[in-house]
Structure formats: C-alpha cells, structure tokens
C-alpha cells in the first residue's frame, strides 16, 4: 500500500508518496512560501484588480473586484499561489471572500487529506535511524529535476520549463511506437511525481500512421493523472496537455530557486552528519549567505545536531556544498 513520508526539515518541509519502495509523488513546501491555496488574507486594493496582502514582504494578488474603489480593504481567498517562471513571476490569484482569516492547509495537512497513511520522519538521531527518504531515491529525484534528464528503459526524457509551457522531449532509439509507449508512461510519472500543472507539451517520436498516433493518445489517457484536457497527437508527434495549476511544480521550485534548493539540501545533509565537535557547513557564497540570513535555521540545526554550527563560504565549491 502507498504511504506518505513527511519530513519537517529546516527551512523546508518534504513529502514523498512511496509505493513498492519508489517515490511516485514528491512535494516540498519552503518556509515563507505564502500565501497558500485556500488561505483567507486581508489586503488593500491598490490598483484595479490588484490587492496588496497583509503578509510579510507585501505580496500582491490579482482579483476580480469590478466597481470596488481603490484603497478599499478586502478579504481574499487564494485560489492559485504565486508562480516563478523563467524571466518573470506571476502574482497569486484570488477571489473576494467574507470568511475569517486562515493560513490555508500546509503540506502536512494536504497529504493527510489524501486519506493515505502518513509517517512523520524524525531527523536522524544518535541511533542513526535509516534515512527512508534517501532509501526511496530522494537525492536521485532532485538530481533528475535539476538536470531535466529522466532515463527510462529504452530511452530518456528531457524536461524543460519555459514561460509558455513545460516541454517533455522523448529521446531514444529503436522502434518508434515502442519508444512512444514507454515515453508516455515515463512522462506521466514525471507529471504526477512533480505535480506539474498548466500547459504541457510532449514531443513523441514521429509516427506517420493515424492508428499509431491514436495509440499514443490512448496511452496518454490511460497513464496521465486526471483531470486534464489534451489535443490529439499530430503528424510531427506533438501533443499538448492542460492540467489545473494551483501551485508551483517541484520542477519550478527546484530549478528556478537554486540557492534555496542547495541551502535546504545542505541543511538536510548537516542534520545527518556524523562526528563530534563543531559542525561546519561549507558552501558557495550565495548559499552560505542565504543560510546565514536565517539565524533561526542555524539555531534549529544546533539543537537537532547537538553541536555548534559554523558556516564557511567558498567560491570553489559547486552545487550543494558539504557538512562535516
């Protein structure tokens, strides 16, 4: 039976739905990612259709408020979180509400609402508990998200998030129809695993026959998480899918905020570092500065590790950095 693993990490909560020892869905929620979907937030209408919310950082949300005078105080229900895209950001989207203020369900509450069992993971302690997320392939998953390269038997997917849509290219050799079938299943896994919404374009191998293209359409219908709308696969092998989009996907979170990604991974590594004496985190300057700007993260790490923590910036360090 599938089971959610939940980890309240430092600066980032993580959840993975595990089935047969593999991650089939992965979610992260970073500290400060507000407002959440379902939140009821007060704010002030600062221009037609734009409300400045009463939250740290003064974020804005778009809302239909025809005829409402500028400067009016409003309550807004968030129906889509703010999104980060290559070269631009999109503000949150909301609708007017008369409900009481609410933060909206956090990641722990959302996975609990699935009805599947949830296991809360504790940071590795003195008894060196097994790292169940890592055993299921958490680091490998993040590497696939970073590189956009997702191998499967007989081929690989190349995944790239553009402002227009998320593009999935199915690459490989051999029989085009067999490659298309395997690629459809692999693409469906990536979409579900990373919670990808919005417009998704899939480039299948070119299949000249109508029957083969209809077979591809059938595989997409059978494998992709519902609900969605799609086009038919055209003669060039291209198919477009539209899915509901309420939150940034894991791909957007990891690839469009690499400093926060590496900081969270380094802090996770540091929680599990073995040894005695001061715990030193060494990272490239941007990551070291990001962690240093959140002193409560350092205090939390010191409590969890039972060691004093120091941070060193090293311009020669690539990627996540290391803790020892």
C-alpha atoms as a PDB file:
ATOM      1  CA  UNK A   1       0.000   0.000   0.000  1.00  0.00           C
ATOM      2  CA  UNK A   2       1.205   3.507  -0.778  1.00  0.00           C
ATOM      3  CA  UNK A   3       2.409   5.576   2.175  1.00  0.00           C
ATOM      4  CA  UNK A   4       3.344   9.228   2.583  1.00  0.00           C
ATOM      5  CA  UNK A   5       6.637  10.038   4.275  1.00  0.00           C
ATOM      6  CA  UNK A   6       6.739  13.527   5.760  1.00  0.00           C
ATOM      7  CA  UNK A   7       9.806  15.352   6.988  1.00  0.00           C
ATOM      8  CA  UNK A   8       9.696  18.730   8.721  1.00  0.00           C
ATOM      9  CA  UNK A   9      13.132  19.844   7.598  1.00  0.00           C
ATOM     10  CA  UNK A  10      14.934  23.061   8.418  1.00  0.00           C
ATOM     11  CA  UNK A  11      13.586  25.759   6.104  1.00  0.00           C
ATOM     12  CA  UNK A  12      11.729  23.196   4.030  1.00  0.00           C
ATOM     13  CA  UNK A  13       9.100  20.510   4.601  1.00  0.00           C
ATOM     14  CA  UNK A  14       9.246  17.456   2.331  1.00  0.00           C
ATOM     15  CA  UNK A  15       6.777  14.736   1.494  1.00  0.00           C
ATOM     16  CA  UNK A  16       7.086  11.674  -0.700  1.00  0.00           C
ATOM     17  CA  UNK A  17       4.428   9.136  -1.601  1.00  0.00           C
ATOM     18  CA  UNK A  18       6.158   5.759  -1.577  1.00  0.00           C
ATOM     19  CA  UNK A  19       4.882   2.678  -3.366  1.00  0.00           C
ATOM     20  CA  UNK A  20       6.897  -0.542  -3.711  1.00  0.00           C
ATOM     21  CA  UNK A  21       9.929   1.321  -2.380  1.00  0.00           C
ATOM     22  CA  UNK A  22       9.839   4.069  -5.022  1.00  0.00           C
ATOM     23  CA  UNK A  23       8.764   7.720  -4.965  1.00  0.00           C
ATOM     24  CA  UNK A  24       5.660   8.244  -7.073  1.00  0.00           C
ATOM     25  CA  UNK A  25       4.829  11.742  -5.807  1.00  0.00           C
ATOM     26  CA  UNK A  26       7.161  14.327  -4.259  1.00  0.00           C
ATOM     27  CA  UNK A  27       6.316  17.681  -2.697  1.00  0.00           C
ATOM     28  CA  UNK A  28       8.227  20.408  -0.902  1.00  0.00           C
ATOM     29  CA  UNK A  29       6.996  23.458   0.956  1.00  0.00           C
ATOM     30  CA  UNK A  30       9.549  26.099   1.813  1.00  0.00           C
ATOM     31  CA  UNK A  31       9.413  28.457   4.735  1.00  0.00           C
ATOM     32  CA  UNK A  32       7.925  31.744   3.604  1.00  0.00           C
ATOM     33  CA  UNK A  33       6.013  30.359   0.617  1.00  0.00           C
ATOM     34  CA  UNK A  34       2.855  32.354   1.219  1.00  0.00           C
ATOM     35  CA  UNK A  35       0.051  32.734   0.674  1.00  0.00           C
ATOM     36  CA  UNK A  36      -1.042  29.122   0.315  1.00  0.00           C
ATOM     37  CA  UNK A  37      -4.000  27.932  -1.736  1.00  0.00           C
ATOM     38  CA  UNK A  38      -7.093  28.182   0.456  1.00  0.00           C
ATOM     39  CA  UNK A  39      -5.704  30.976   2.620  1.00  0.00           C
ATOM     40  CA  UNK A  40      -8.002  33.876   3.507  1.00  0.00           C
ATOM     41  CA  UNK A  41      -5.905  37.034   3.636  1.00  0.00           C
ATOM     42  CA  UNK A  42      -6.817  40.668   4.223  1.00  0.00           C
ATOM     43  CA  UNK A  43      -5.430  43.362   1.989  1.00  0.00           C
ATOM     44  CA  UNK A  44      -5.991  46.661   0.262  1.00  0.00           C
ATOM     45  CA  UNK A  45      -6.969  47.277  -3.356  1.00  0.00           C
ATOM     46  CA  UNK A  46      -4.029  49.284  -4.731  1.00  0.00           C
ATOM     47  CA  UNK A  47      -4.979  49.280  -8.422  1.00  0.00           C
ATOM     48  CA  UNK A  48      -7.791  47.780 -10.470  1.00  0.00           C
ATOM     49  CA  UNK A  49      -7.675  44.026  -9.984  1.00  0.00           C
ATOM     50  CA  UNK A  50      -4.636  44.057  -7.647  1.00  0.00           C
ATOM     51  CA  UNK A  51      -4.699  43.654  -3.852  1.00  0.00           C
ATOM     52  CA  UNK A  52      -1.653  44.178  -1.649  1.00  0.00           C
ATOM     53  CA  UNK A  53      -1.866  41.488   1.011  1.00  0.00           C
ATOM     54  CA  UNK A  54      -1.185  41.930   4.722  1.00  0.00           C
ATOM     55  CA  UNK A  55       1.720  39.477   4.734  1.00  0.00           C
ATOM     56  CA  UNK A  56       5.496  39.829   5.189  1.00  0.00           C
ATOM     57  CA  UNK A  57       7.045  41.139   2.022  1.00  0.00           C
ATOM     58  CA  UNK A  58       3.795  42.844   0.950  1.00  0.00           C
ATOM     59  CA  UNK A  59       2.894  40.333  -1.797  1.00  0.00           C
ATOM     60  CA  UNK A  60       0.067  41.096  -4.180  1.00  0.00           C
ATOM     61  CA  UNK A  61      -2.733  39.010  -5.635  1.00  0.00           C
ATOM     62  CA  UNK A  62      -4.924  39.569  -8.657  1.00  0.00           C
ATOM     63  CA  UNK A  63      -8.650  39.532  -8.013  1.00  0.00           C
ATOM     64  CA  UNK A  64     -11.847  40.415  -9.848  1.00  0.00           C
ATOM     65  CA  UNK A  65     -13.161  43.437  -7.950  1.00  0.00           C
ATOM     66  CA  UNK A  66     -15.141  45.388 -10.514  1.00  0.00           C
ATOM     67  CA  UNK A  67     -16.565  48.626  -9.153  1.00  0.00           C
ATOM     68  CA  UNK A  68     -14.629  48.462  -5.867  1.00  0.00           C
ATOM     69  CA  UNK A  69     -12.914  51.827  -5.113  1.00  0.00           C
ATOM     70  CA  UNK A  70      -9.133  51.891  -4.815  1.00  0.00           C
ATOM     71  CA  UNK A  71      -7.968  51.798  -1.209  1.00  0.00           C
ATOM     72  CA  UNK A  72     -10.816  49.527  -0.087  1.00  0.00           C
ATOM     73  CA  UNK A  73      -9.931  46.876   2.481  1.00  0.00           C
ATOM     74  CA  UNK A  74     -10.793  43.387   1.229  1.00  0.00           C
ATOM     75  CA  UNK A  75     -10.532  39.746   2.247  1.00  0.00           C
ATOM     76  CA  UNK A  76      -9.189  37.467  -0.470  1.00  0.00           C
ATOM     77  CA  UNK A  77      -9.259  33.675  -0.796  1.00  0.00           C
ATOM     78  CA  UNK A  78      -6.168  32.421  -2.619  1.00  0.00           C
ATOM     79  CA  UNK A  79      -7.034  30.061  -5.469  1.00  0.00           C
ATOM     80  CA  UNK A  80      -3.571  29.912  -7.063  1.00  0.00           C
ATOM     81  CA  UNK A  81      -0.212  30.562  -5.448  1.00  0.00           C
ATOM     82  CA  UNK A  82       2.360  32.945  -6.845  1.00  0.00           C
ATOM     83  CA  UNK A  83       4.407  31.308  -9.594  1.00  0.00           C
ATOM     84  CA  UNK A  84       8.020  31.810 -10.596  1.00  0.00           C
ATOM     85  CA  UNK A  85       8.809  31.395 -14.262  1.00  0.00           C
ATOM     86  CA  UNK A  86      11.912  31.922 -16.350  1.00  0.00           C
ATOM     87  CA  UNK A  87      12.311  35.668 -16.704  1.00  0.00           C
ATOM     88  CA  UNK A  88       9.134  36.642 -14.869  1.00  0.00           C
ATOM     89  CA  UNK A  89       6.994  35.992 -11.813  1.00  0.00           C
ATOM     90  CA  UNK A  90       3.222  35.714 -11.633  1.00  0.00           C
ATOM     91  CA  UNK A  91       1.389  37.012  -8.567  1.00  0.00           C
ATOM     92  CA  UNK A  92      -1.051  34.894  -6.636  1.00  0.00           C
ATOM     93  CA  UNK A  93      -4.624  34.777  -7.857  1.00  0.00           C
ATOM     94  CA  UNK A  94      -7.569  35.208  -5.526  1.00  0.00           C
ATOM     95  CA  UNK A  95     -11.265  35.867  -5.220  1.00  0.00           C
ATOM     96  CA  UNK A  96     -13.225  38.015  -2.822  1.00  0.00           C
ATOM     97  CA  UNK A  97     -14.303  36.298   0.366  1.00  0.00           C
ATOM     98  CA  UNK A  98     -16.146  37.073   3.586  1.00  0.00           C
ATOM     99  CA  UNK A  99     -14.621  34.149   5.507  1.00  0.00           C
ATOM    100  CA  UNK A 100     -12.431  34.506   8.592  1.00  0.00           C
ATOM    101  CA  UNK A 101      -8.649  34.799   8.162  1.00  0.00           C
ATOM    102  CA  UNK A 102      -6.971  31.443   7.554  1.00  0.00           C
ATOM    103  CA  UNK A 103      -3.426  30.392   6.628  1.00  0.00           C
ATOM    104  CA  UNK A 104      -4.699  27.632   4.346  1.00  0.00           C
ATOM    105  CA  UNK A 105      -3.681  23.952   4.593  1.00  0.00           C
ATOM    106  CA  UNK A 106       0.048  23.325   4.824  1.00  0.00           C
ATOM    107  CA  UNK A 107       1.837  20.407   3.172  1.00  0.00           C
ATOM    108  CA  UNK A 108       1.288  18.082   6.150  1.00  0.00           C
ATOM    109  CA  UNK A 109      -2.445  18.782   6.124  1.00  0.00           C
ATOM    110  CA  UNK A 110      -2.712  18.315   2.351  1.00  0.00           C
ATOM    111  CA  UNK A 111      -1.097  14.898   2.304  1.00  0.00           C
ATOM    112  CA  UNK A 112      -3.189  13.818   5.313  1.00  0.00           C
ATOM    113  CA  UNK A 113      -6.308  14.807   3.361  1.00  0.00           C
ATOM    114  CA  UNK A 114      -5.389  12.224   0.712  1.00  0.00           C
ATOM    115  CA  UNK A 115      -6.622   9.513   3.074  1.00  0.00           C
ATOM    116  CA  UNK A 116      -3.379   7.545   2.730  1.00  0.00           C
ATOM    117  CA  UNK A 117      -1.249   6.760   5.797  1.00  0.00           C
ATOM    118  CA  UNK A 118       1.357   9.362   6.738  1.00  0.00           C
ATOM    119  CA  UNK A 119       4.583   8.613   8.587  1.00  0.00           C
ATOM    120  CA  UNK A 120       6.339  11.564  10.209  1.00  0.00           C
ATOM    121  CA  UNK A 121      10.105  11.188   9.909  1.00  0.00           C
ATOM    122  CA  UNK A 122      12.347  12.467  12.669  1.00  0.00           C
ATOM    123  CA  UNK A 123      15.801  13.880  11.921  1.00  0.00           C
ATOM    124  CA  UNK A 124      18.430  11.193  12.228  1.00  0.00           C
ATOM    125  CA  UNK A 125      19.418  10.993  15.887  1.00  0.00           C
ATOM    126  CA  UNK A 126      22.230   9.380  17.854  1.00  0.00           C
ATOM    127  CA  UNK A 127      20.954   5.912  16.948  1.00  0.00           C
ATOM    128  CA  UNK A 128      21.434   6.728  13.237  1.00  0.00           C
ATOM    129  CA  UNK A 129      17.957   5.849  12.086  1.00  0.00           C
ATOM    130  CA  UNK A 130      17.710   4.786   8.428  1.00  0.00           C
ATOM    131  CA  UNK A 131      17.029   7.657   6.046  1.00  0.00           C
ATOM    132  CA  UNK A 132      13.849   6.380   4.450  1.00  0.00           C
ATOM    133  CA  UNK A 133      13.536   9.290   2.034  1.00  0.00           C
ATOM    134  CA  UNK A 134      17.050   8.685   0.769  1.00  0.00           C
ATOM    135  CA  UNK A 135      16.451   4.955   0.525  1.00  0.00           C
ATOM    136  CA  UNK A 136      13.483   5.698  -1.741  1.00  0.00           C
ATOM    137  CA  UNK A 137      15.647   7.872  -4.003  1.00  0.00           C
ATOM    138  CA  UNK A 138      15.145  11.465  -2.830  1.00  0.00           C
ATOM    139  CA  UNK A 139      18.579  12.735  -3.912  1.00  0.00           C
ATOM    140  CA  UNK A 140      18.331  10.994  -7.291  1.00  0.00           C
ATOM    141  CA  UNK A 141      14.920  12.581  -7.811  1.00  0.00           C
ATOM    142  CA  UNK A 142      16.239  16.078  -7.095  1.00  0.00           C
ATOM    143  CA  UNK A 143      19.133  15.432  -9.496  1.00  0.00           C
ATOM    144  CA  UNK A 144      16.669  14.458 -12.243  1.00  0.00           C
ATOM    145  CA  UNK A 145      14.691  17.638 -11.592  1.00  0.00           C
ATOM    146  CA  UNK A 146      17.835  19.796 -11.698  1.00  0.00           C
ATOM    147  CA  UNK A 147      19.200  18.335 -14.934  1.00  0.00           C
ATOM    148  CA  UNK A 148      15.876  17.756 -16.658  1.00  0.00           C
ATOM    149  CA  UNK A 149      17.106  14.272 -17.609  1.00  0.00           C
ATOM    150  CA  UNK A 150      14.856  11.324 -16.693  1.00  0.00           C
ATOM    151  CA  UNK A 151      16.102   7.958 -18.018  1.00  0.00           C
ATOM    152  CA  UNK A 152      13.737   5.056 -18.616  1.00  0.00           C
ATOM    153  CA  UNK A 153      14.169   1.620 -20.175  1.00  0.00           C
ATOM    154  CA  UNK A 154      14.945   2.215 -23.847  1.00  0.00           C
ATOM    155  CA  UNK A 155      15.265   5.980 -23.724  1.00  0.00           C
ATOM    156  CA  UNK A 156      15.101   9.169 -21.691  1.00  0.00           C
ATOM    157  CA  UNK A 157      13.006  12.270 -21.168  1.00  0.00           C
ATOM    158  CA  UNK A 158      14.408  15.782 -21.402  1.00  0.00           C
ATOM    159  CA  UNK A 159      12.226  18.163 -19.410  1.00  0.00           C
ATOM    160  CA  UNK A 160      12.394  21.959 -19.604  1.00  0.00           C
ATOM    161  CA  UNK A 161      10.104  24.601 -18.103  1.00  0.00           C
ATOM    162  CA  UNK A 162       9.540  27.562 -20.442  1.00  0.00           C
ATOM    163  CA  UNK A 163       7.264  30.591 -19.924  1.00  0.00           C
ATOM    164  CA  UNK A 164       4.816  29.168 -22.470  1.00  0.00           C
ATOM    165  CA  UNK A 165       4.661  25.564 -21.263  1.00  0.00           C
ATOM    166  CA  UNK A 166       6.601  22.722 -19.740  1.00  0.00           C
ATOM    167  CA  UNK A 167       8.170  20.713 -22.559  1.00  0.00           C
ATOM    168  CA  UNK A 168       8.931  16.980 -22.440  1.00  0.00           C
ATOM    169  CA  UNK A 169      11.042  15.520 -25.227  1.00  0.00           C
ATOM    170  CA  UNK A 170      11.104  11.732 -25.593  1.00  0.00           C
ATOM    171  CA  UNK A 171      14.527  10.630 -26.793  1.00  0.00           C
ATOM    172  CA  UNK A 172      15.783   7.170 -27.724  1.00  0.00           C
ATOM    173  CA  UNK A 173      16.487   4.631 -30.423  1.00  0.00           C
ATOM    174  CA  UNK A 174      14.678   1.582 -31.694  1.00  0.00           C
ATOM    175  CA  UNK A 175      11.081   1.093 -32.693  1.00  0.00           C
ATOM    176  CA  UNK A 176       9.310   4.493 -32.598  1.00  0.00           C
ATOM    177  CA  UNK A 177       5.998   3.060 -31.438  1.00  0.00           C
ATOM    178  CA  UNK A 178       7.574   1.143 -28.541  1.00  0.00           C
ATOM    179  CA  UNK A 179       9.588   4.233 -27.605  1.00  0.00           C
ATOM    180  CA  UNK A 180       6.430   6.356 -27.670  1.00  0.00           C
ATOM    181  CA  UNK A 181       4.615   3.904 -25.387  1.00  0.00           C
ATOM    182  CA  UNK A 182       7.466   3.765 -22.863  1.00  0.00           C
ATOM    183  CA  UNK A 183       7.897   7.532 -23.085  1.00  0.00           C
ATOM    184  CA  UNK A 184       4.207   8.147 -22.412  1.00  0.00           C
ATOM    185  CA  UNK A 185       4.413   6.134 -19.187  1.00  0.00           C
ATOM    186  CA  UNK A 186       7.635   7.900 -18.151  1.00  0.00           C
ATOM    187  CA  UNK A 187       6.172  11.345 -18.892  1.00  0.00           C
ATOM    188  CA  UNK A 188       3.056  10.513 -16.882  1.00  0.00           C
ATOM    189  CA  UNK A 189       5.277   9.541 -13.939  1.00  0.00           C
ATOM    190  CA  UNK A 190       7.162  12.859 -14.095  1.00  0.00           C
ATOM    191  CA  UNK A 191       3.945  14.888 -14.291  1.00  0.00           C
ATOM    192  CA  UNK A 192       2.448  13.096 -11.295  1.00  0.00           C
ATOM    193  CA  UNK A 193       5.656  12.956  -9.285  1.00  0.00           C
ATOM    194  CA  UNK A 194       6.431  16.658  -9.697  1.00  0.00           C
ATOM    195  CA  UNK A 195       2.806  17.902  -9.555  1.00  0.00           C
ATOM    196  CA  UNK A 196       3.069  19.627 -12.917  1.00  0.00           C
ATOM    197  CA  UNK A 197       0.111  21.717 -13.965  1.00  0.00           C
ATOM    198  CA  UNK A 198      -0.693  24.239 -16.647  1.00  0.00           C
ATOM    199  CA  UNK A 199       0.293  23.683 -20.258  1.00  0.00           C
ATOM    200  CA  UNK A 200       2.471  20.643 -21.001  1.00  0.00           C
ATOM    201  CA  UNK A 201       3.871  19.850 -24.435  1.00  0.00           C
ATOM    202  CA  UNK A 202       5.128  16.339 -25.224  1.00  0.00           C
ATOM    203  CA  UNK A 203       7.286  15.614 -28.262  1.00  0.00           C
ATOM    204  CA  UNK A 204       6.819  11.942 -29.193  1.00  0.00           C
ATOM    205  CA  UNK A 205       8.738  10.156 -31.937  1.00  0.00           C
ATOM    206  CA  UNK A 206       7.216  10.933 -35.338  1.00  0.00           C
ATOM    207  CA  UNK A 207       4.538   8.377 -36.164  1.00  0.00           C
ATOM    208  CA  UNK A 208       3.161   8.746 -39.700  1.00  0.00           C
ATOM    209  CA  UNK A 209       0.253   6.354 -39.286  1.00  0.00           C
ATOM    210  CA  UNK A 210      -3.030   7.540 -37.850  1.00  0.00           C
ATOM    211  CA  UNK A 211      -3.538   4.287 -35.934  1.00  0.00           C
ATOM    212  CA  UNK A 212      -0.166   4.679 -34.214  1.00  0.00           C
ATOM    213  CA  UNK A 213      -0.915   8.270 -33.232  1.00  0.00           C
ATOM    214  CA  UNK A 214      -4.290   7.216 -31.840  1.00  0.00           C
ATOM    215  CA  UNK A 215      -2.495   4.548 -29.820  1.00  0.00           C
ATOM    216  CA  UNK A 216      -0.325   7.279 -28.301  1.00  0.00           C
ATOM    217  CA  UNK A 217      -3.441   9.251 -27.407  1.00  0.00           C
ATOM    218  CA  UNK A 218      -4.844   6.156 -25.716  1.00  0.00           C
ATOM    219  CA  UNK A 219      -1.669   5.612 -23.674  1.00  0.00           C
ATOM    220  CA  UNK A 220      -1.758   9.220 -22.527  1.00  0.00           C
ATOM    221  CA  UNK A 221      -5.386   8.859 -21.450  1.00  0.00           C
ATOM    222  CA  UNK A 222      -4.575   5.658 -19.578  1.00  0.00           C
ATOM    223  CA  UNK A 223      -1.446   6.850 -17.749  1.00  0.00           C
ATOM    224  CA  UNK A 224      -1.702  10.575 -17.078  1.00  0.00           C
ATOM    225  CA  UNK A 225      -3.210  11.773 -13.803  1.00  0.00           C
ATOM    226  CA  UNK A 226      -6.718  13.116 -14.274  1.00  0.00           C
ATOM    227  CA  UNK A 227      -8.260  15.572 -14.804  1.00  0.00           C
ATOM    228  CA  UNK A 228      -6.722  17.051 -17.946  1.00  0.00           C
ATOM    229  CA  UNK A 229      -7.558  18.141 -21.457  1.00  0.00           C
ATOM    230  CA  UNK A 230      -5.393  17.344 -24.464  1.00  0.00           C
ATOM    231  CA  UNK A 231      -5.011  17.692 -28.175  1.00  0.00           C
ATOM    232  CA  UNK A 232      -4.569  14.709 -30.475  1.00  0.00           C
ATOM    233  CA  UNK A 233      -1.009  13.718 -31.357  1.00  0.00           C
ATOM    234  CA  UNK A 234      -0.203  15.409 -34.662  1.00  0.00           C
ATOM    235  CA  UNK A 235       1.858  14.092 -37.554  1.00  0.00           C
ATOM    236  CA  UNK A 236       5.032  15.529 -36.042  1.00  0.00           C
ATOM    237  CA  UNK A 237       4.475  13.623 -32.807  1.00  0.00           C
ATOM    238  CA  UNK A 238       3.487  16.637 -30.702  1.00  0.00           C
ATOM    239  CA  UNK A 239       0.691  16.529 -28.121  1.00  0.00           C
ATOM    240  CA  UNK A 240      -0.397  19.233 -25.676  1.00  0.00           C
ATOM    241  CA  UNK A 241      -1.998  18.668 -22.287  1.00  0.00           C
ATOM    242  CA  UNK A 242      -3.650  21.218 -19.997  1.00  0.00           C
ATOM    243  CA  UNK A 243      -3.885  20.445 -16.274  1.00  0.00           C
ATOM    244  CA  UNK A 244      -5.153  22.533 -13.387  1.00  0.00           C
ATOM    245  CA  UNK A 245      -2.372  24.589 -11.844  1.00  0.00           C
ATOM    246  CA  UNK A 246      -2.693  25.755  -8.235  1.00  0.00           C
ATOM    247  CA  UNK A 247       0.892  25.678  -7.006  1.00  0.00           C
ATOM    248  CA  UNK A 248       4.397  25.759  -8.431  1.00  0.00           C
ATOM    249  CA  UNK A 249       5.591  22.339  -9.504  1.00  0.00           C
ATOM    250  CA  UNK A 250       8.592  20.660  -7.928  1.00  0.00           C
ATOM    251  CA  UNK A 251      10.481  21.443 -11.126  1.00  0.00           C
ATOM    252  CA  UNK A 252       9.756  25.160 -10.791  1.00  0.00           C
ATOM    253  CA  UNK A 253      10.639  25.205  -7.092  1.00  0.00           C
ATOM    254  CA  UNK A 254      13.968  23.423  -7.569  1.00  0.00           C
ATOM    255  CA  UNK A 255      15.171  24.870 -10.866  1.00  0.00           C
ATOM    256  CA  UNK A 256      14.046  28.479 -10.503  1.00  0.00           C
ATOM    257  CA  UNK A 257      15.372  28.886  -6.955  1.00  0.00           C
ATOM    258  CA  UNK A 258      18.711  27.012  -6.975  1.00  0.00           C
ATOM    259  CA  UNK A 259      20.096  28.848  -3.934  1.00  0.00           C
ATOM    260  CA  UNK A 260      17.147  27.865  -1.719  1.00  0.00           C
ATOM    261  CA  UNK A 261      17.332  24.338  -3.140  1.00  0.00           C
ATOM    262  CA  UNK A 262      21.004  23.912  -2.263  1.00  0.00           C
ATOM    263  CA  UNK A 263      20.530  25.514   1.151  1.00  0.00           C
ATOM    264  CA  UNK A 264      17.764  23.059   2.039  1.00  0.00           C
ATOM    265  CA  UNK A 265      19.802  20.098   0.807  1.00  0.00           C
ATOM    266  CA  UNK A 266      22.863  21.229   2.743  1.00  0.00           C
ATOM    267  CA  UNK A 267      20.873  21.676   5.950  1.00  0.00           C
ATOM    268  CA  UNK A 268      19.380  18.210   5.454  1.00  0.00           C
ATOM    269  CA  UNK A 269      22.876  16.793   4.993  1.00  0.00           C
ATOM    270  CA  UNK A 270      24.061  18.635   8.098  1.00  0.00           C
ATOM    271  CA  UNK A 271      21.296  17.135  10.242  1.00  0.00           C
ATOM    272  CA  UNK A 272      22.685  13.706   9.408  1.00  0.00           C
ATOM    273  CA  UNK A 273      26.399  14.471   9.664  1.00  0.00           C
ATOM    274  CA  UNK A 274      28.319  12.193  12.000  1.00  0.00           C
ATOM    275  CA  UNK A 275      31.118  13.230  14.294  1.00  0.00           C
ATOM    276  CA  UNK A 276      31.801  15.381  17.335  1.00  0.00           C
ATOM    277  CA  UNK A 277      32.826  18.956  17.835  1.00  0.00           C
ATOM    278  CA  UNK A 278      31.722  21.958  15.782  1.00  0.00           C
ATOM    279  CA  UNK A 279      29.699  21.224  12.672  1.00  0.00           C
ATOM    280  CA  UNK A 280      30.933  23.226   9.688  1.00  0.00           C
ATOM    281  CA  UNK A 281      28.824  23.905   6.616  1.00  0.00           C
ATOM    282  CA  UNK A 282      30.840  24.881   3.549  1.00  0.00           C
ATOM    283  CA  UNK A 283      29.002  26.212   0.509  1.00  0.00           C
ATOM    284  CA  UNK A 284      29.310  28.640  -2.339  1.00  0.00           C
ATOM    285  CA  UNK A 285      28.845  32.268  -1.186  1.00  0.00           C
ATOM    286  CA  UNK A 286      25.217  32.647  -2.269  1.00  0.00           C
ATOM    287  CA  UNK A 287      24.153  29.532  -0.340  1.00  0.00           C
ATOM    288  CA  UNK A 288      26.226  30.422   2.728  1.00  0.00           C
ATOM    289  CA  UNK A 289      24.718  33.918   2.752  1.00  0.00           C
ATOM    290  CA  UNK A 290      21.189  32.548   2.388  1.00  0.00           C
ATOM    291  CA  UNK A 291      21.577  30.241   5.361  1.00  0.00           C
ATOM    292  CA  UNK A 292      23.306  32.950   7.378  1.00  0.00           C
ATOM    293  CA  UNK A 293      20.387  35.288   6.729  1.00  0.00           C
ATOM    294  CA  UNK A 294      18.137  32.862   8.651  1.00  0.00           C
ATOM    295  CA  UNK A 295      19.749  32.577  12.114  1.00  0.00           C
ATOM    296  CA  UNK A 296      16.796  30.555  13.432  1.00  0.00           C
ATOM    297  CA  UNK A 297      17.747  27.808  10.954  1.00  0.00           C
ATOM    298  CA  UNK A 298      21.216  27.673  12.475  1.00  0.00           C
ATOM    299  CA  UNK A 299      19.765  27.532  15.989  1.00  0.00           C
ATOM    300  CA  UNK A 300      17.439  24.713  14.955  1.00  0.00           C
ATOM    301  CA  UNK A 301      20.329  22.789  13.390  1.00  0.00           C
ATOM    302  CA  UNK A 302      22.393  23.182  16.566  1.00  0.00           C
ATOM    303  CA  UNK A 303      19.530  21.770  18.634  1.00  0.00           C
ATOM    304  CA  UNK A 304      18.957  18.851  16.305  1.00  0.00           C
ATOM    305  CA  UNK A 305      22.632  18.002  15.809  1.00  0.00           C
ATOM    306  CA  UNK A 306      23.683  18.734  19.383  1.00  0.00           C
ATOM    307  CA  UNK A 307      26.722  20.599  18.042  1.00  0.00           C
ATOM    308  CA  UNK A 308      27.795  24.180  17.481  1.00  0.00           C
ATOM    309  CA  UNK A 309      27.424  25.230  13.842  1.00  0.00           C
ATOM    310  CA  UNK A 310      29.711  27.385  11.703  1.00  0.00           C
ATOM    311  CA  UNK A 311      29.214  28.424   8.080  1.00  0.00           C
ATOM    312  CA  UNK A 312      32.051  28.963   5.618  1.00  0.00           C
ATOM    313  CA  UNK A 313      31.721  30.460   2.133  1.00  0.00           C
ATOM    314  CA  UNK A 314      33.989  29.008  -0.545  1.00  0.00           C
ATOM    315  CA  UNK A 315      33.735  30.225  -4.129  1.00  0.00           C
ATOM    316  CA  UNK A 316      35.372  26.988  -5.322  1.00  0.00           C
ATOM    317  CA  UNK A 317      32.501  24.860  -4.032  1.00  0.00           C
ATOM    318  CA  UNK A 318      29.962  23.745  -6.611  1.00  0.00           C
ATOM    319  CA  UNK A 319      26.400  22.600  -6.037  1.00  0.00           C
ATOM    320  CA  UNK A 320      25.103  21.865  -2.563  1.00  0.00           C
ATOM    321  CA  UNK A 321      28.317  22.055  -0.574  1.00  0.00           C
ATOM    322  CA  UNK A 322      29.166  19.798   2.349  1.00  0.00           C
ATOM    323  CA  UNK A 323      28.762  19.491   6.108  1.00  0.00           C
ATOM    324  CA  UNK A 324      31.247  17.823   8.436  1.00  0.00           C
END
